[in-house]
C-alpha atoms as a PDB file:
ATOM      1  CA  MET A   1       5.891  -8.797 -17.857  1.00  0.00           C
ATOM      2  CA  PHE A   2       7.750 -11.572 -19.504  1.00  0.00           C
ATOM      3  CA  SER A   3      10.041 -11.887 -16.118  1.00  0.00           C
ATOM      4  CA  VAL A   4       6.075 -12.256 -14.523  1.00  0.00           C
ATOM      5  CA  ALA A   5       6.132 -15.734 -16.406  1.00  0.00           C
ATOM      6  CA  GLY A   6       9.407 -16.805 -15.905  1.00  0.00           C
ATOM      7  CA  LEU A   7      11.307 -15.391 -18.824  1.00  0.00           C
ATOM      8  CA  GLY A   8      13.832 -12.995 -19.734  1.00  0.00           C
ATOM      9  CA  PRO A   9      14.587 -10.069 -21.566  1.00  0.00           C
ATOM     10  CA  ASP A  10      16.124 -12.482 -24.592  1.00  0.00           C
ATOM     11  CA  ASP A  11      13.176 -14.564 -24.618  1.00  0.00           C
ATOM     12  CA  GLU A  12      11.166 -11.504 -24.380  1.00  0.00           C
ATOM     13  CA  ALA A  13      13.490  -9.615 -27.820  1.00  0.00           C
ATOM     14  CA  VAL A  14      13.364 -13.006 -29.755  1.00  0.00           C
ATOM     15  CA  TYR A  15       9.125 -13.373 -29.660  1.00  0.00           C
ATOM     16  CA  ALA A  16       8.937  -9.501 -30.077  1.00  0.00           C
ATOM     17  CA  ALA A  17      11.177  -9.876 -33.510  1.00  0.00           C
ATOM     18  CA  LEU A  18       8.820 -12.865 -34.027  1.00  0.00           C
ATOM     19  CA  MET A  19       5.741 -10.670 -34.080  1.00  0.00           C
ATOM     20  CA  ASP A  20       6.996  -9.505 -37.555  1.00  0.00           C
ATOM     21  CA  GLY A  21       6.850 -13.379 -38.528  1.00  0.00           C
ATOM     22  CA  PRO A  22       8.779 -16.187 -39.467  1.00  0.00           C
ATOM     23  CA  ALA A  23      12.454 -16.321 -39.239  1.00  0.00           C
ATOM     24  CA  THR A  24      15.612 -18.110 -38.800  1.00  0.00           C
ATOM     25  CA  VAL A  25      18.193 -18.098 -36.119  1.00  0.00           C
ATOM     26  CA  PRO A  26      20.392 -15.609 -38.017  1.00  0.00           C
ATOM     27  CA  GLU A  27      18.033 -13.556 -39.111  1.00  0.00           C
ATOM     28  CA  LEU A  28      16.888 -13.155 -35.261  1.00  0.00           C
ATOM     29  CA  SER A  29      20.410 -12.287 -34.073  1.00  0.00           C
ATOM     30  CA  ARG A  30      20.420  -9.639 -36.930  1.00  0.00           C
ATOM     31  CA  SER A  31      17.071  -8.199 -35.837  1.00  0.00           C
ATOM     32  CA  THR A  32      17.712  -8.659 -31.874  1.00  0.00           C
ATOM     33  CA  ARG A  33      21.576  -7.722 -32.333  1.00  0.00           C
ATOM     34  CA  LEU A  34      21.718 -11.018 -30.609  1.00  0.00           C
ATOM     35  CA  ALA A  35      25.093 -13.661 -30.405  1.00  0.00           C
ATOM     36  CA  GLU A  36      23.059 -16.482 -32.307  1.00  0.00           C
ATOM     37  CA  GLU A  37      23.853 -19.221 -29.045  1.00  0.00           C
ATOM     38  CA  ARG A  38      22.063 -16.714 -27.228  1.00  0.00           C
ATOM     39  CA  VAL A  39      18.804 -16.796 -29.612  1.00  0.00           C
ATOM     40  CA  ARG A  40      18.697 -20.872 -29.666  1.00  0.00           C
ATOM     41  CA  VAL A  41      18.740 -20.481 -25.654  1.00  0.00           C
ATOM     42  CA  ALA A  42      16.198 -17.895 -26.425  1.00  0.00           C
ATOM     43  CA  LEU A  43      14.233 -19.994 -28.928  1.00  0.00           C
ATOM     44  CA  ASP A  44      14.204 -23.210 -26.339  1.00  0.00           C
ATOM     45  CA  HIS A  45      12.642 -21.428 -23.572  1.00  0.00           C
ATOM     46  CA  LEU A  46       9.752 -20.055 -25.958  1.00  0.00           C
ATOM     47  CA  GLU A  47       9.274 -23.341 -27.566  1.00  0.00           C
ATOM     48  CA  GLU A  48       8.540 -24.774 -24.096  1.00  0.00           C
ATOM     49  CA  ALA A  49       6.551 -22.643 -22.466  1.00  0.00           C
ATOM     50  CA  GLY A  50       4.360 -22.446 -25.998  1.00  0.00           C
ATOM     51  CA  LEU A  51       4.883 -19.319 -27.379  1.00  0.00           C
ATOM     52  CA  VAL A  52       7.211 -20.206 -30.759  1.00  0.00           C
ATOM     53  CA  GLY A  53       6.824 -23.677 -32.545  1.00  0.00           C
ATOM     54  CA  ARG A  54       8.589 -24.178 -36.502  1.00  0.00           C
ATOM     55  CA  GLY A  55       7.148 -23.668 -39.520  1.00  0.00           C
ATOM     56  CA  ALA A  56       5.441 -26.024 -41.610  1.00  0.00           C
ATOM     57  CA  GLY A  57       7.923 -27.363 -43.978  1.00  0.00           C
ATOM     58  CA  HIS A  58      10.724 -25.042 -43.042  1.00  0.00           C
ATOM     59  CA  PRO A  59      12.025 -26.390 -39.431  1.00  0.00           C
ATOM     60  CA  GLU A  60      14.518 -23.778 -39.810  1.00  0.00           C
ATOM     61  CA  ARG A  61      12.214 -20.966 -39.356  1.00  0.00           C
ATOM     62  CA  HIS A  62       9.977 -20.388 -36.235  1.00  0.00           C
ATOM     63  CA  THR A  63       7.265 -19.101 -35.892  1.00  0.00           C
ATOM     64  CA  ALA A  64       5.512 -17.207 -32.786  1.00  0.00           C
ATOM     65  CA  ALA A  65       2.052 -18.154 -31.333  1.00  0.00           C
ATOM     66  CA  ALA A  66      -0.659 -15.661 -31.408  1.00  0.00           C
ATOM     67  CA  PRO A  67       0.346 -13.801 -28.154  1.00  0.00           C
ATOM     68  CA  ASP A  68      -3.652 -13.161 -26.825  1.00  0.00           C
ATOM     69  CA  VAL A  69      -4.203 -16.753 -26.638  1.00  0.00           C
ATOM     70  CA  ALA A  70      -0.393 -17.779 -25.822  1.00  0.00           C
ATOM     71  CA  LEU A  71       0.522 -15.241 -23.284  1.00  0.00           C
ATOM     72  CA  GLU A  72      -2.724 -15.481 -21.334  1.00  0.00           C
ATOM     73  CA  ALA A  73      -2.211 -19.297 -20.915  1.00  0.00           C
ATOM     74  CA  LEU A  74       0.817 -18.891 -19.885  1.00  0.00           C
ATOM     75  CA  LEU A  75       0.010 -16.424 -17.089  1.00  0.00           C
ATOM     76  CA  LEU A  76      -2.940 -18.546 -16.102  1.00  0.00           C
ATOM     77  CA  ARG A  77      -0.318 -21.137 -15.953  1.00  0.00           C
ATOM     78  CA  GLN A  78       1.604 -19.208 -13.402  1.00  0.00           C
ATOM     79  CA  GLU A  79      -1.493 -18.270 -11.144  1.00  0.00           C
ATOM     80  CA  GLU A  80      -2.080 -21.785 -10.924  1.00  0.00           C
ATOM     81  CA  GLN A  81       1.560 -22.463  -9.864  1.00  0.00           C
ATOM     82  CA  VAL A  82       1.460 -19.099  -6.770  1.00  0.00           C
ATOM     83  CA  GLN A  83      -2.076 -20.368  -5.853  1.00  0.00           C
ATOM     84  CA  ARG A  84      -0.643 -24.046  -5.246  1.00  0.00           C
ATOM     85  CA  ALA A  85       2.142 -22.550  -3.613  1.00  0.00           C
ATOM     86  CA  ARG A  86       0.376 -20.291  -1.199  1.00  0.00           C
ATOM     87  CA  LEU A  87      -1.514 -23.395  -0.505  1.00  0.00           C
ATOM     88  CA  HIS A  88       1.441 -25.158   0.299  1.00  0.00           C
ATOM     89  CA  ALA A  89       2.588 -22.451   2.493  1.00  0.00           C
ATOM     90  CA  HIS A  90      -0.689 -22.299   4.259  1.00  0.00           C
ATOM     91  CA  GLN A  91      -0.366 -26.070   5.032  1.00  0.00           C
ATOM     92  CA  MET A  92       3.311 -25.956   6.327  1.00  0.00           C
ATOM     93  CA  ALA A  93       2.167 -22.631   8.858  1.00  0.00           C
ATOM     94  CA  ALA A  94      -0.615 -24.876  10.186  1.00  0.00           C
ATOM     95  CA  ARG A  95       1.962 -28.030  10.560  1.00  0.00           C
ATOM     96  CA  HIS A  96       3.747 -25.437  12.168  1.00  0.00           C
ATOM     97  CA  ARG A  97       1.325 -24.427  14.648  1.00  0.00           C
ATOM     98  CA  ARG A  98       0.139 -27.761  15.661  1.00  0.00           C
ATOM     99  CA  ALA A  99       3.769 -28.706  16.134  1.00  0.00           C
ATOM    100  CA  HIS A 100       4.646 -25.968  18.332  1.00  0.00           C
ATOM    101  CA  ALA A 101       1.856 -25.500  20.479  1.00  0.00           C
ATOM    102  CA  GLY A 102       2.720 -26.263  23.302  1.00  0.00           C
ATOM    103  CA  ASP A 103       6.582 -24.668  22.777  1.00  0.00           C
ATOM    104  CA  ASP A 104       7.266 -21.623  25.104  1.00  0.00           C
ATOM    105  CA  PRO A 105       4.656 -18.472  24.324  1.00  0.00           C
ATOM    106  CA  ALA A 106       7.681 -16.476  24.324  1.00  0.00           C
ATOM    107  CA  SER A 107       8.004 -18.323  20.557  1.00  0.00           C
ATOM    108  CA  LEU A 108       4.555 -16.288  19.647  1.00  0.00           C
ATOM    109  CA  VAL A 109       6.933 -12.885  19.764  1.00  0.00           C
ATOM    110  CA  GLU A 110      10.182 -12.028  18.317  1.00  0.00           C
ATOM    111  CA  VAL A 111      12.440  -8.470  19.071  1.00  0.00           C
ATOM    112  CA  VAL A 112      13.934  -6.886  15.993  1.00  0.00           C
ATOM    113  CA  THR A 113      16.415  -4.616  16.224  1.00  0.00           C
ATOM    114  CA  GLY A 114      18.055  -2.170  14.434  1.00  0.00           C
ATOM    115  CA  ARG A 115      16.529   0.696  11.916  1.00  0.00           C
ATOM    116  CA  LEU A 116      17.414  -1.067   8.992  1.00  0.00           C
ATOM    117  CA  ALA A 117      16.187  -4.220   9.821  1.00  0.00           C
ATOM    118  CA  VAL A 118      12.704  -2.439  11.898  1.00  0.00           C
ATOM    119  CA  LEU A 119      12.695  -1.256   8.114  1.00  0.00           C
ATOM    120  CA  GLU A 120      13.058  -4.177   6.539  1.00  0.00           C
ATOM    121  CA  ARG A 121      10.250  -5.577   8.391  1.00  0.00           C
ATOM    122  CA  PHE A 122       7.894  -3.022   8.389  1.00  0.00           C
ATOM    123  CA  GLU A 123       7.908  -3.614   4.242  1.00  0.00           C
ATOM    124  CA  GLN A 124       7.851  -7.529   4.512  1.00  0.00           C
ATOM    125  CA  VAL A 125       5.003  -7.736   7.059  1.00  0.00           C
ATOM    126  CA  GLN A 126       2.692  -5.072   4.771  1.00  0.00           C
ATOM    127  CA  ARG A 127       3.472  -7.322   1.340  1.00  0.00           C
ATOM    128  CA  ALA A 128       2.008 -10.640   3.330  1.00  0.00           C
ATOM    129  CA  ALA A 129      -1.237  -8.964   3.603  1.00  0.00           C
ATOM    130  CA  ARG A 130      -3.664 -10.701   1.491  1.00  0.00           C
ATOM    131  CA  HIS A 131      -7.089  -8.089   2.556  1.00  0.00           C
ATOM    132  CA  GLU A 132      -6.285  -5.465   4.832  1.00  0.00           C
ATOM    133  CA  ILE A 133      -3.484  -3.541   6.395  1.00  0.00           C
ATOM    134  CA  ARG A 134      -4.788  -1.964  10.277  1.00  0.00           C
ATOM    135  CA  ALA A 135      -2.159   0.667  11.193  1.00  0.00           C
ATOM    136  CA  ILE A 136      -1.640   3.514  14.131  1.00  0.00           C
ATOM    137  CA  ASP A 137       0.622   6.242  12.400  1.00  0.00           C
ATOM    138  CA  LYS A 138       2.290   8.312  14.671  1.00  0.00           C
ATOM    139  CA  PRO A 139       5.911   9.585  15.692  1.00  0.00           C
ATOM    140  CA  PRO A 140       8.405   8.682  15.993  1.00  0.00           C
ATOM    141  CA  TYR A 141       9.360   7.835  12.838  1.00  0.00           C
ATOM    142  CA  ALA A 142      12.336   5.338  11.577  1.00  0.00           C
ATOM    143  CA  VAL A 143      12.428   7.531   7.739  1.00  0.00           C
ATOM    144  CA  PRO A 144      13.029  11.128   6.967  1.00  0.00           C
ATOM    145  CA  SER A 145      10.505  13.905   7.423  1.00  0.00           C
ATOM    146  CA  GLY A 146       8.578  13.747   4.242  1.00  0.00           C
ATOM    147  CA  ASN A 147       9.327   9.917   2.981  1.00  0.00           C
ATOM    148  CA  ARG A 148       6.208   8.447   1.565  1.00  0.00           C
ATOM    149  CA  ASN A 149       5.337   4.795   1.865  1.00  0.00           C
ATOM    150  CA  PRO A 150       5.766   3.458  -1.844  1.00  0.00           C
ATOM    151  CA  VAL A 151       4.527  -0.380  -0.475  1.00  0.00           C
ATOM    152  CA  GLU A 152       1.557   0.772   0.692  1.00  0.00           C
ATOM    153  CA  LEU A 153       0.847   2.405  -2.897  1.00  0.00           C
ATOM    154  CA  ALA A 154       1.831  -0.766  -4.483  1.00  0.00           C
ATOM    155  CA  MET A 155      -0.504  -3.017  -2.159  1.00  0.00           C
ATOM    156  CA  LEU A 156      -3.386  -0.345  -2.820  1.00  0.00           C
ATOM    157  CA  ALA A 157      -3.278  -1.184  -5.989  1.00  0.00           C
ATOM    158  CA  ARG A 158      -3.104  -4.673  -5.720  1.00  0.00           C
ATOM    159  CA  GLY A 159      -6.665  -4.198  -3.693  1.00  0.00           C
ATOM    160  CA  VAL A 160      -5.039  -4.612  -0.199  1.00  0.00           C
ATOM    161  CA  ARG A 161      -7.450  -2.191   2.210  1.00  0.00           C
ATOM    162  CA  TYR A 162      -5.813   0.054   3.970  1.00  0.00           C
ATOM    163  CA  ARG A 163      -7.194   1.446   7.676  1.00  0.00           C
ATOM    164  CA  VAL A 164      -5.145   4.279   9.098  1.00  0.00           C
ATOM    165  CA  ILE A 165      -5.143   6.044  12.187  1.00  0.00           C
ATOM    166  CA  TYR A 166      -3.302   9.306  12.334  1.00  0.00           C
ATOM    167  CA  ASP A 167      -2.174  11.064  15.786  1.00  0.00           C
ATOM    168  CA  PRO A 168      -2.184  14.781  14.995  1.00  0.00           C
ATOM    169  CA  ARG A 169       1.023  15.025  16.103  1.00  0.00           C
ATOM    170  CA  GLY A 170       2.347  13.255  12.872  1.00  0.00           C
ATOM    171  CA  LEU A 171       0.096  15.236  10.764  1.00  0.00           C
ATOM    172  CA  VAL A 172       2.306  18.370  12.238  1.00  0.00           C
ATOM    173  CA  GLU A 173       5.346  16.475  12.381  1.00  0.00           C
ATOM    174  CA  PHE A 174       5.804  14.072   9.425  1.00  0.00           C
ATOM    175  CA  HIS A 175       2.920  13.884   7.140  1.00  0.00           C
ATOM    176  CA  ASP A 176       1.585  17.198   4.278  1.00  0.00           C
ATOM    177  CA  LEU A 177      -2.035  16.661   3.702  1.00  0.00           C
ATOM    178  CA  ARG A 178      -1.690  18.011  -0.438  1.00  0.00           C
ATOM    179  CA  THR A 179       1.266  15.818  -1.057  1.00  0.00           C
ATOM    180  CA  ASP A 180       0.770  12.574   1.060  1.00  0.00           C
ATOM    181  CA  LEU A 181      -2.714  11.953   2.783  1.00  0.00           C
ATOM    182  CA  GLU A 182      -4.476  13.288  -0.354  1.00  0.00           C
ATOM    183  CA  GLN A 183      -2.714  10.881  -2.765  1.00  0.00           C
ATOM    184  CA  SER A 184      -2.965   8.033  -0.446  1.00  0.00           C
ATOM    185  CA  SER A 185      -6.977   8.798   0.224  1.00  0.00           C
ATOM    186  CA  ALA A 186      -7.013   8.881  -3.736  1.00  0.00           C
ATOM    187  CA  ARG A 187      -5.460   5.587  -4.036  1.00  0.00           C
ATOM    188  CA  GLY A 188      -7.869   3.870  -1.794  1.00  0.00           C
ATOM    189  CA  GLU A 189      -6.616   4.512   1.815  1.00  0.00           C
ATOM    190  CA  VAL A 190      -9.166   4.826   4.318  1.00  0.00           C
ATOM    191  CA  ALA A 191      -8.533   7.401   6.863  1.00  0.00           C
ATOM    192  CA  ARG A 192      -9.167   9.141  10.539  1.00  0.00           C
ATOM    193  CA  VAL A 193      -7.616  10.969  13.226  1.00  0.00           C
ATOM    194  CA  LEU A 194      -7.361  10.690  16.979  1.00  0.00           C
ATOM    195  CA  ALA A 195      -5.255  12.558  19.436  1.00  0.00           C
ATOM    196  CA  GLY A 196      -3.765  10.400  22.136  1.00  0.00           C
ATOM    197  CA  THR A 197      -3.417   7.273  20.246  1.00  0.00           C
ATOM    198  CA  PRO A 198      -1.556   4.225  22.788  1.00  0.00           C
ATOM    199  CA  THR A 199       1.062   3.275  20.700  1.00  0.00           C
ATOM    200  CA  LYS A 200       2.179   2.903  16.502  1.00  0.00           C
ATOM    201  CA  LEU A 201       0.521  -0.436  15.319  1.00  0.00           C
ATOM    202  CA  ILE A 202       0.394  -2.510  12.252  1.00  0.00           C
ATOM    203  CA  LEU A 203      -1.629  -5.198  11.297  1.00  0.00           C
ATOM    204  CA  ALA A 204      -1.411  -7.607   8.393  1.00  0.00           C
ATOM    205  CA  ASP A 205      -4.566  -9.373   8.273  1.00  0.00           C
ATOM    206  CA  ASP A 206      -4.770 -11.876  11.525  1.00  0.00           C
ATOM    207  CA  ARG A 207      -1.889 -13.010  10.862  1.00  0.00           C
ATOM    208  CA  VAL A 208       1.149 -10.872  12.487  1.00  0.00           C
ATOM    209  CA  GLY A 209       1.490  -7.113  14.479  1.00  0.00           C
ATOM    210  CA  LEU A 210       4.459  -4.605  15.083  1.00  0.00           C
ATOM    211  CA  ILE A 211       4.673  -2.719  17.966  1.00  0.00           C
ATOM    212  CA  PRO A 212       7.635  -0.667  19.087  1.00  0.00           C
ATOM    213  CA  LEU A 213       9.076  -2.417  21.706  1.00  0.00           C
ATOM    214  CA  GLN A 214       9.585   0.736  24.091  1.00  0.00           C
ATOM    215  CA  ALA A 215       6.318   2.124  25.538  1.00  0.00           C
ATOM    216  CA  ALA A 216       7.407   5.789  24.612  1.00  0.00           C
ATOM    217  CA  PRO A 217      10.455   5.161  22.486  1.00  0.00           C
ATOM    218  CA  SER A 218      12.122   8.516  21.919  1.00  0.00           C
ATOM    219  CA  SER A 219      13.136   6.725  18.177  1.00  0.00           C
ATOM    220  CA  ILE A 220      12.297   3.677  16.406  1.00  0.00           C
ATOM    221  CA  GLU A 221      15.359   1.392  17.217  1.00  0.00           C
ATOM    222  CA  SER A 222      13.478  -2.141  18.094  1.00  0.00           C
ATOM    223  CA  ILE A 223      10.364  -3.465  17.531  1.00  0.00           C
ATOM    224  CA  VAL A 224       8.175  -6.730  18.872  1.00  0.00           C
ATOM    225  CA  VAL A 225       6.960  -8.883  16.116  1.00  0.00           C
ATOM    226  CA  VAL A 226       3.789 -10.436  17.314  1.00  0.00           C
ATOM    227  CA  HIS A 227       2.602 -13.880  15.761  1.00  0.00           C
ATOM    228  CA  PRO A 228      -1.466 -15.720  15.591  1.00  0.00           C
ATOM    229  CA  SER A 229      -1.696 -15.565  19.689  1.00  0.00           C
ATOM    230  CA  ALA A 230      -4.131 -13.563  22.024  1.00  0.00           C
ATOM    231  CA  LEU A 231      -2.261 -10.746  22.106  1.00  0.00           C
ATOM    232  CA  LEU A 232      -2.578 -10.328  18.719  1.00  0.00           C
ATOM    233  CA  GLU A 233      -6.043 -10.527  18.819  1.00  0.00           C
ATOM    234  CA  ALA A 234      -5.944  -7.785  21.596  1.00  0.00           C
ATOM    235  CA  LEU A 235      -4.051  -5.829  19.404  1.00  0.00           C
ATOM    236  CA  GLY A 236      -6.930  -6.237  16.708  1.00  0.00           C
ATOM    237  CA  ALA A 237      -9.837  -5.627  19.428  1.00  0.00           C
ATOM    238  CA  LEU A 238      -7.429  -2.294  20.625  1.00  0.00           C
ATOM    239  CA  PHE A 239      -7.208  -1.019  17.015  1.00  0.00           C
ATOM    240  CA  GLU A 240     -11.083  -1.264  16.603  1.00  0.00           C
ATOM    241  CA  SER A 241     -12.136   0.724  19.490  1.00  0.00           C
ATOM    242  CA  LEU A 242     -10.147   3.287  18.547  1.00  0.00           C
ATOM    243  CA  TRP A 243     -11.264   3.420  14.853  1.00  0.00           C
ATOM    244  CA  ASP A 244     -14.500   3.636  16.467  1.00  0.00           C
ATOM    245  CA  ARG A 245     -13.425   6.865  18.352  1.00  0.00           C
ATOM    246  CA  ALA A 246     -11.817   8.135  15.747  1.00  0.00           C
ATOM    247  CA  LEU A 247     -12.736  11.134  13.555  1.00  0.00           C
ATOM    248  CA  PRO A 248     -12.969  10.627   9.421  1.00  0.00           C
ATOM    249  CA  LEU A 249     -10.132  12.239   7.676  1.00  0.00           C
ATOM    250  CA  GLY A 250     -11.189  11.829   4.011  1.00  0.00           C
ATOM    251  CA  ALA A 251     -11.847  13.609   1.022  1.00  0.00           C
ATOM    252  CA  ALA A 252     -15.036  15.128   0.545  1.00  0.00           C
ATOM    253  CA  PRO A 253     -17.284  14.088  -2.052  1.00  0.00           C
ATOM    254  CA  GLU A 254     -17.532  16.274  -5.787  1.00  0.00           C
ATOM    255  CA  ILE A 255     -18.062  19.713  -5.780  1.00  0.00           C
ATOM    256  CA  THR A 256     -21.194  21.020  -6.700  1.00  0.00           C
ATOM    257  CA  ALA A 257     -22.276  24.857  -6.913  1.00  0.00           C
ATOM    258  CA  THR A 258     -23.122  24.840  -3.535  1.00  0.00           C
ATOM    259  CA  GLY A 259     -20.982  22.626  -1.968  1.00  0.00           C
ATOM    260  CA  PRO A 260     -17.254  23.685  -0.341  1.00  0.00           C
ATOM    261  CA  THR A 261     -14.123  24.910  -2.740  1.00  0.00           C
ATOM    262  CA  PRO A 262     -11.230  22.641  -2.859  1.00  0.00           C
ATOM    263  CA  ASP A 263      -9.623  25.474  -0.048  1.00  0.00           C
ATOM    264  CA  GLU A 264     -12.580  25.313   2.451  1.00  0.00           C
ATOM    265  CA  ARG A 265     -12.875  21.438   2.053  1.00  0.00           C
ATOM    266  CA  ARG A 266      -8.863  21.159   2.739  1.00  0.00           C
ATOM    267  CA  LEU A 267      -9.752  23.619   5.742  1.00  0.00           C
ATOM    268  CA  LEU A 268     -12.678  21.701   6.845  1.00  0.00           C
ATOM    269  CA  THR A 269     -10.251  18.273   7.141  1.00  0.00           C
ATOM    270  CA  LEU A 270      -7.541  19.743   9.440  1.00  0.00           C
ATOM    271  CA  LEU A 271     -10.169  21.078  11.779  1.00  0.00           C
ATOM    272  CA  THR A 272     -11.636  17.967  12.227  1.00  0.00           C
ATOM    273  CA  THR A 273      -7.490  17.041  13.650  1.00  0.00           C
ATOM    274  CA  GLY A 274      -7.381  19.190  16.390  1.00  0.00           C
ATOM    275  CA  LEU A 275      -4.445  20.620  15.510  1.00  0.00           C
ATOM    276  CA  PRO A 276      -3.496  24.635  16.115  1.00  0.00           C
ATOM    277  CA  ASP A 277      -4.010  26.918  14.129  1.00  0.00           C
ATOM    278  CA  GLU A 278      -0.369  27.636  13.269  1.00  0.00           C
ATOM    279  CA  ALA A 279      -0.312  23.774  12.710  1.00  0.00           C
ATOM    280  CA  ILE A 280      -3.102  23.918   9.921  1.00  0.00           C
ATOM    281  CA  ALA A 281      -1.798  27.118   8.365  1.00  0.00           C
ATOM    282  CA  ARG A 282       1.574  25.064   7.958  1.00  0.00           C
ATOM    283  CA  GLN A 283      -0.309  22.373   6.171  1.00  0.00           C
ATOM    284  CA  LEU A 284      -1.940  24.782   3.793  1.00  0.00           C
ATOM    285  CA  GLY A 285       1.094  26.500   3.125  1.00  0.00           C
ATOM    286  CA  LEU A 286      -0.744  29.630   4.164  1.00  0.00           C
ATOM    287  CA  SER A 287       0.817  32.743   6.456  1.00  0.00           C
ATOM    288  CA  TYR A 288      -1.188  32.572   9.933  1.00  0.00           C
ATOM    289  CA  ARG A 289      -3.168  36.230   8.935  1.00  0.00           C
ATOM    290  CA  THR A 290      -4.289  34.213   5.454  1.00  0.00           C
ATOM    291  CA  PHE A 291      -5.128  31.418   7.404  1.00  0.00           C
ATOM    292  CA  GLN A 292      -7.282  33.553   9.789  1.00  0.00           C
ATOM    293  CA  ARG A 293      -9.553  35.285   7.096  1.00  0.00           C
ATOM    294  CA  ARG A 294      -9.837  31.889   5.700  1.00  0.00           C
ATOM    295  CA  LEU A 295     -11.439  30.777   8.765  1.00  0.00           C
ATOM    296  CA  ARG A 296     -13.601  33.383   9.241  1.00  0.00           C
ATOM    297  CA  ARG A 297     -15.074  33.711   5.410  1.00  0.00           C
ATOM    298  CA  LEU A 298     -16.160  29.566   6.328  1.00  0.00           C
ATOM    299  CA  LEU A 299     -17.741  30.618   9.456  1.00  0.00           C
ATOM    300  CA  VAL A 300     -19.722  33.686   7.593  1.00  0.00           C
ATOM    301  CA  ARG A 301     -20.422  30.863   5.010  1.00  0.00           C
ATOM    302  CA  LEU A 302     -21.627  28.367   7.618  1.00  0.00           C
ATOM    303  CA  ASP A 303     -23.434  31.523   9.598  1.00  0.00           C
ATOM    304  CA  ALA A 304     -21.207  29.771  12.475  1.00  0.00           C
ATOM    305  CA  GLU A 305     -19.920  31.092  15.570  1.00  0.00           C
ATOM    306  CA  THR A 306     -17.688  28.526  16.692  1.00  0.00           C
ATOM    307  CA  ARG A 307     -15.600  25.964  14.822  1.00  0.00           C
ATOM    308  CA  PHE A 308     -17.980  23.548  16.891  1.00  0.00           C
ATOM    309  CA  GLN A 309     -20.581  24.834  15.059  1.00  0.00           C
ATOM    310  CA  ALA A 310     -19.027  25.120  11.777  1.00  0.00           C
ATOM    311  CA  GLY A 311     -17.960  21.585  11.670  1.00  0.00           C
ATOM    312  CA  VAL A 312     -21.762  20.440  12.810  1.00  0.00           C
ATOM    313  CA  ARG A 313     -23.215  22.292  10.148  1.00  0.00           C
ATOM    314  CA  ALA A 314     -20.464  21.417   7.671  1.00  0.00           C
ATOM    315  CA  ALA A 315     -21.357  17.801   8.526  1.00  0.00           C
ATOM    316  CA  HIS A 316     -25.256  18.036   8.148  1.00  0.00           C
ATOM    317  CA  LEU A 317     -24.346  19.259   4.607  1.00  0.00           C
ATOM    318  CA  GLY A 318     -22.226  16.610   3.686  1.00  0.00           C
ATOM    319  CA  TRP A 319     -18.855  18.877   3.548  1.00  0.00           C
ATOM    320  CA  ILE A 320     -17.483  16.559   5.954  1.00  0.00           C
ATOM    321  CA  PRO A 321     -18.681  12.840   4.852  1.00  0.00           C
ATOM    322  CA  PRO A 322     -17.954   9.567   6.769  1.00  0.00           C
ATOM    323  CA  ASP A 323     -15.231   7.321   5.235  1.00  0.00           C
ATOM    324  CA  GLY A 324     -15.448   4.715   3.389  1.00  0.00           C
ATOM    325  CA  PRO A 325     -16.871   1.237   4.576  1.00  0.00           C
END
């Protein structure tokens, strides 16, 4: 936490030691096991931050300011500095756009090559988002199968919204419903599924986008970074049109006495994706015969003769809810 306020481990250790009461430099050195010179440097930092003062009548003894007041004030100052820096960055970006408005249109896009460079830019674009990430997730992938996206979890925790369209091939080849998609959904990702998506895509707000360089790559080794332009607006419109056609791939509401069981909920979710039976069975960790038995029981319970009827009746009962706003 102290690192957020620009202070280091020594500063935090000295401040924590002063929670027990006023102390001199030698006393702090013994309690923190830091050399006296390091303690003095830490005290200078803490005094400058308003976290430490000197005892009245005893200038050799140092006292800690109340943390609930001093730390809050320090963090507020840091937030103000971040806001000023962000405003300055926006102003510089606007100035750059005005200065280069007449430049070669090729400057509106850049090509990034190399798997590691692609992964780095993928992370950078996500971290640049302030409001929303929109993505189309489909093969191929630049990371090994089963690798999750830790940046997404961090951004979701910061309040950045994620809307993701999954291609069914990715659900078969890469993702796992229980250990991957359900965890992301629980943290706020809004997911839909659509077969035949035209391209991988990621959009950070309306500021930057990433698409593969090749129309149908066998691996992700090159991407195009798209900056604010008519092309970026077109990519945003493409995403929204596909989003409207896609089916929700979200968790169902809390189960009631007449609602679906957890196994039935997962089965219904996967049935809406259009995946083949063998792929659904693998996702559920079932043998093909066990999957068929569960599917038949679900059809009987919903009084349905076909999967389509089962889907319609499940939606009518609220077992397949719409996704978030």
